[in-house]
Protein backbone atom coordinates (compact mmCIF):
# COMPACT_ATOMS: atom_id res chain seq x y z
CA MET A 1 50.30 17.44 -31.64
CA PRO A 2 51.67 18.44 -28.22
CA ALA A 3 55.41 18.00 -27.63
CA TRP A 4 54.75 15.13 -25.18
CA SER A 5 52.65 13.16 -27.66
CA SER A 6 53.91 10.56 -30.12
CA SER A 7 52.57 8.14 -32.69
CA VAL A 8 52.53 5.48 -29.95
CA HIS A 9 50.43 7.74 -27.72
CA GLU A 10 48.08 8.52 -30.58
CA GLY A 11 47.77 4.79 -31.30
CA LEU A 12 46.89 4.12 -27.67
CA ILE A 13 44.19 6.77 -27.67
CA SER A 14 42.81 5.49 -30.98
CA ALA A 15 42.58 1.99 -29.48
CA LEU A 16 40.77 3.37 -26.41
CA VAL A 17 38.31 5.27 -28.59
CA ARG A 18 37.64 2.18 -30.74
CA ALA A 19 37.09 0.07 -27.61
CA ARG A 20 34.77 2.70 -26.11
CA LYS A 21 32.68 2.80 -29.26
CA GLN A 22 32.63 -1.00 -29.56
CA ALA A 23 31.33 -1.10 -25.99
CA GLY A 24 28.52 1.26 -27.03
CA LEU A 25 29.64 3.95 -24.58
CA THR A 26 29.73 7.70 -24.94
CA GLN A 27 32.43 9.98 -23.60
CA ARG A 28 29.98 10.97 -20.85
CA ASP A 29 29.48 7.31 -19.92
CA VAL A 30 33.21 6.76 -19.53
CA ALA A 31 33.63 9.98 -17.57
CA ALA A 32 30.84 9.01 -15.17
CA ARG A 33 32.32 5.55 -14.64
CA MET A 34 35.72 7.11 -13.92
CA ASN A 35 34.22 9.81 -11.69
CA LYS A 36 35.75 12.47 -13.94
CA PRO A 37 34.19 15.42 -15.76
CA PRO A 38 33.23 14.76 -19.40
CA SER A 39 35.86 17.28 -20.50
CA PHE A 40 38.55 14.93 -19.16
CA VAL A 41 37.57 12.20 -21.63
CA GLY A 42 37.17 14.68 -24.47
CA LYS A 43 40.59 16.23 -23.91
CA VAL A 44 42.28 12.83 -23.72
CA GLU A 45 40.57 11.67 -26.91
CA LYS A 46 41.56 14.89 -28.72
CA ILE A 47 45.20 14.43 -27.54
CA GLU A 48 44.98 17.63 -25.51
CA ARG A 49 45.69 15.89 -22.22
CA ASN A 50 48.11 13.12 -21.30
CA LEU A 51 46.86 9.92 -19.65
CA SER A 52 48.67 8.44 -16.64
CA VAL A 53 49.08 4.70 -16.21
CA SER A 54 46.52 4.62 -13.38
CA GLU A 55 44.07 6.63 -15.52
CA PHE A 56 44.66 4.20 -18.41
CA VAL A 57 43.78 1.23 -16.18
CA ALA A 58 40.71 3.05 -14.81
CA TRP A 59 39.65 3.87 -18.39
CA CYS A 60 40.00 0.19 -19.36
CA ASP A 61 37.89 -0.77 -16.33
CA ALA A 62 35.27 1.80 -17.35
CA ILE A 63 34.95 0.35 -20.85
CA LYS A 64 35.35 -3.25 -19.61
CA ALA A 65 38.46 -3.85 -21.69
CA GLU A 66 41.63 -5.62 -20.66
CA PRO A 67 44.62 -3.24 -20.60
CA HIS A 68 46.78 -5.82 -22.39
CA ALA A 69 44.23 -6.02 -25.23
CA ILE A 70 44.31 -2.24 -25.67
CA LEU A 71 48.12 -2.26 -25.67
CA ALA A 72 48.16 -5.12 -28.19
CA ALA A 73 45.76 -3.19 -30.43
CA THR A 74 48.09 -0.19 -30.12
CA ARG A 75 51.03 -2.30 -31.27
CA SER A 76 49.22 -4.00 -34.12
CA ASN A 77 46.99 -1.03 -34.95
CA GLY A 78 44.34 -3.65 -35.47
CA SER A 79 41.09 -4.97 -34.18
CA LEU A 80 40.35 -5.33 -30.48
CA SER A 81 38.73 -8.74 -30.88
């Protein structure tokens, strides 16, 4: 785990991955919707790259998830529904 990462960060990324999969989207789908290269999504999901707040919101828009729902799932480590 990189020095800048934490269990909270890992929980956030796990929630984003779960939401992406629940939306039936691939990493490539999310990257295209964010106008980013597929490697961007892959690196974020593998905790190799940090995610800014604006990127987090754009990611949520791309997967059609509410940012507050992702954050709540991060806190509870539970379901997104």
